[in-house]
Structure formats: C-alpha cells, structure tokens
Amino acid sequence: MAVIALAGVTVACENTREGLEKDAKANAPKVERAAEQTAATTREVAREVSKAAAPAVAAIREGTAAAAQVAKARMSEAGRAADAARQTAQIKAELMADASIDSTTIDVDTRADTQTVVLKGHVRSAAEKASAERIAAAKAPGFKVDNQLEVRR
C-alpha cells in the first residue's frame, strides 16, 4: 500500500511540474507585454513630468541669474564705497600732514556714486581753502572737488 501511495505522489508531483512549465510558457508573452507596457507608461510619465517641471526650472534659472546680477551690482557698490572710504582717509591724512592747514575743522566726504569729494567746515584763510582743494584733487584723481569750506578769521 505504501508503494502505491508513493507512486501516486510521484505522478502528482510530475503532473504539477509539467503544469507549472506549461503555465510558465503560456504566461511568458503576457508577462513580456506587461513589462513593455509598464516601461512605455514610465517613459510617458517621465516626459509629462519633464514638461510640467520645465517652467519651474526656467523660473529657477531666471531667479538665479537675477540674484547673481544683484549680488554683482552690490559687490561693485561695496567696492566703490570702499574706494571712497580709502580716498577720504588719504585726503584727511594729507590735510593733517600739511602744517599750513588746520584740518581739525575740515570734514571730507567722498561720494563714489557721483565721483565727488566734498570739503565742509571752516578754515582760517583763502590760501588754506585753496590748499585743501588742491590736496583733495591730487588724492582723488578723476573726482570733482566740491569745496564748501568757509573762511573764518
């Protein structure tokens, strides 16, 4: 009896294996078509996402370019302001070094945006006023000197 039962199990297993092989052969084309359809759908979705993202990408690029321009302009302004501050210090130092000028009452302002050196305050004589203007012009080439110094005796 055990031999008959074992023979029945062996036949059943053989039938199951053959059935699985048959099913695999029959289903292989279906699986391939499903894989191809999935790949095609994935490509289409990727194209649609790319189309939808294009305006955002363009806006980001434009925003980045605009930010770079603003940063460049601000750095340029900062550079001009630093140059103006340096020129102001050089003019003030030269005025202090000149013994014929009382520089304690002279205010020097260098305006980079208008390329102007403004001298304000008061001096003791017209000669001092002229000397201060000459020094400012020499230390700030290319800048206009606005001499607003007042002569007070």
Protein backbone atom coordinates (compact mmCIF):
# COMPACT_ATOMS: atom_id res chain seq x y z
CA MET A 1 0.00 0.00 0.00
CA ALA A 2 2.79 2.36 0.82
CA VAL A 3 4.26 1.71 -2.61
CA ILE A 4 1.01 2.61 -4.32
CA ALA A 5 0.69 5.82 -2.29
CA LEU A 6 4.26 6.77 -3.11
CA ALA A 7 3.65 6.13 -6.79
CA GLY A 8 0.56 8.36 -6.66
CA VAL A 9 2.51 11.22 -5.05
CA THR A 10 5.25 10.87 -7.65
CA VAL A 11 2.74 11.03 -10.51
CA ALA A 12 1.00 14.02 -8.91
CA CYS A 13 4.32 15.86 -8.49
CA GLU A 14 5.20 15.11 -12.09
CA ASN A 15 1.85 16.47 -13.22
CA THR A 16 2.32 19.59 -11.09
CA ARG A 17 5.80 20.24 -12.54
CA GLU A 18 4.52 19.77 -16.08
CA GLY A 19 1.57 22.03 -15.31
CA LEU A 20 3.86 24.73 -13.96
CA GLU A 21 6.09 24.55 -17.03
CA LYS A 22 3.03 24.78 -19.29
CA ASP A 23 1.70 27.75 -17.35
CA ALA A 24 5.09 29.48 -17.48
CA LYS A 25 5.30 29.03 -21.27
CA ALA A 26 1.75 30.24 -21.73
CA ASN A 27 2.17 33.26 -19.45
CA ALA A 28 5.62 34.39 -20.67
CA PRO A 29 4.26 36.52 -23.57
CA LYS A 30 1.73 38.13 -21.22
CA VAL A 31 4.47 39.00 -18.73
CA GLU A 32 6.65 40.44 -21.51
CA ARG A 33 3.76 42.59 -22.82
CA ALA A 34 3.02 43.82 -19.30
CA ALA A 35 6.70 44.72 -18.79
CA GLU A 36 6.79 46.58 -22.13
CA GLN A 37 3.59 48.46 -21.27
CA THR A 38 5.00 49.39 -17.86
CA ALA A 39 8.20 50.67 -19.47
CA ALA A 40 6.22 52.69 -22.05
CA THR A 41 4.00 54.17 -19.34
CA THR A 42 7.04 55.05 -17.26
CA ARG A 43 8.64 56.84 -20.23
CA GLU A 44 5.41 58.76 -20.91
CA VAL A 45 5.08 59.79 -17.26
CA ALA A 46 8.72 60.92 -17.27
CA ARG A 47 8.05 63.07 -20.38
CA GLU A 48 4.97 64.61 -18.74
CA VAL A 49 6.84 65.33 -15.52
CA SER A 50 9.65 66.90 -17.52
CA LYS A 51 7.16 69.10 -19.41
CA ALA A 52 5.44 70.11 -16.19
CA ALA A 53 8.74 70.91 -14.47
CA ALA A 54 10.16 72.94 -17.37
CA PRO A 55 8.55 76.27 -16.36
CA ALA A 56 9.71 75.84 -12.78
CA VAL A 57 13.24 75.03 -13.92
CA ALA A 58 13.22 78.09 -16.20
CA ALA A 59 11.97 80.27 -13.35
CA ILE A 60 14.70 78.96 -11.06
CA ARG A 61 17.33 79.67 -13.71
CA GLU A 62 15.99 83.20 -14.24
CA GLY A 63 15.84 83.80 -10.49
CA THR A 64 19.38 82.56 -10.06
CA ALA A 65 20.61 84.79 -12.88
CA ALA A 66 18.80 87.79 -11.40
CA ALA A 67 20.22 87.08 -7.95
CA ALA A 68 23.70 86.83 -9.43
CA GLN A 69 23.24 90.21 -11.14
CA VAL A 70 22.06 91.80 -7.89
CA ALA A 71 24.98 90.29 -6.00
CA LYS A 72 27.40 91.52 -8.65
CA ALA A 73 25.93 95.03 -8.52
CA ARG A 74 26.07 95.09 -4.71
CA MET A 75 29.66 93.90 -4.72
CA SER A 76 30.50 96.63 -7.21
CA GLU A 77 28.77 99.20 -5.00
CA ALA A 78 30.64 97.88 -1.97
CA GLY A 79 33.91 98.13 -3.88
CA ARG A 80 33.18 101.73 -4.86
CA ALA A 81 32.21 102.56 -1.27
CA ALA A 82 35.45 101.01 -0.01
CA ASP A 83 37.44 103.02 -2.57
CA ALA A 84 35.63 106.19 -1.49
CA ALA A 85 36.38 105.49 2.17
CA ARG A 86 40.03 104.88 1.32
CA GLN A 87 40.20 108.15 -0.62
CA THR A 88 38.55 110.03 2.25
CA ALA A 89 41.15 108.66 4.67
CA GLN A 90 44.02 109.52 2.32
CA ILE A 91 42.76 113.08 1.81
CA LYS A 92 42.24 113.61 5.54
CA ALA A 93 45.71 112.21 6.30
CA GLU A 94 47.30 114.51 3.72
CA LEU A 95 45.40 117.52 5.13
CA MET A 96 46.64 116.63 8.62
CA ALA A 97 50.21 116.27 7.34
CA ASP A 98 50.17 119.79 5.84
CA ALA A 99 51.31 122.14 8.62
CA SER A 100 49.81 125.17 6.87
CA ILE A 101 46.26 123.78 7.19
CA ASP A 102 44.20 123.44 10.38
CA SER A 103 42.46 120.19 9.40
CA THR A 104 40.60 119.76 12.69
CA THR A 105 37.64 121.74 11.35
CA ILE A 106 37.58 120.18 7.86
CA ASP A 107 35.13 117.39 7.05
CA VAL A 108 35.94 115.25 3.99
CA ASP A 109 33.20 113.24 2.30
CA THR A 110 33.90 111.16 -0.83
CA ARG A 111 30.80 110.17 -2.81
CA ALA A 112 31.53 107.24 -5.10
CA ASP A 113 28.17 107.41 -6.89
CA THR A 114 28.79 110.97 -8.14
CA GLN A 115 32.60 110.79 -8.04
CA THR A 116 32.71 113.88 -5.89
CA VAL A 117 34.86 114.89 -2.91
CA VAL A 118 33.05 117.36 -0.66
CA LEU A 119 35.05 119.57 1.70
CA LYS A 120 32.97 121.16 4.50
CA GLY A 121 33.82 123.13 7.58
CA HIS A 122 35.88 126.25 8.03
CA VAL A 123 39.47 127.39 7.52
CA ARG A 124 41.44 130.48 8.56
CA SER A 125 42.22 131.85 5.09
CA ALA A 126 41.53 131.65 1.38
CA ALA A 127 45.01 130.14 0.97
CA GLU A 128 44.09 127.29 3.37
CA LYS A 129 40.87 126.73 1.42
CA ALA A 130 42.79 126.56 -1.88
CA SER A 131 45.43 124.22 -0.38
CA ALA A 132 42.75 121.86 0.93
CA GLU A 133 41.11 121.76 -2.50
CA ARG A 134 44.46 121.11 -4.21
CA ILE A 135 45.23 118.21 -1.83
CA ALA A 136 41.75 116.69 -2.35
CA ALA A 137 42.10 116.89 -6.14
CA ALA A 138 45.56 115.30 -6.03
CA LYS A 139 44.46 112.40 -3.79
CA ALA A 140 41.24 111.70 -5.74
CA PRO A 141 42.11 111.82 -9.44
CA GLY A 142 39.06 111.76 -11.68
CA PHE A 143 36.83 113.07 -8.89
CA LYS A 144 35.26 116.52 -8.84
CA VAL A 145 36.05 118.56 -5.70
CA ASP A 146 33.13 120.46 -4.19
CA ASN A 147 34.88 122.93 -1.89
CA GLN A 148 32.29 124.22 0.60
CA LEU A 149 34.89 125.39 3.13
CA GLU A 150 34.14 128.75 4.74
CA VAL A 151 36.87 131.23 5.57
CA ARG A 152 36.59 132.38 9.19
CA ARG A 153 39.12 134.68 10.74
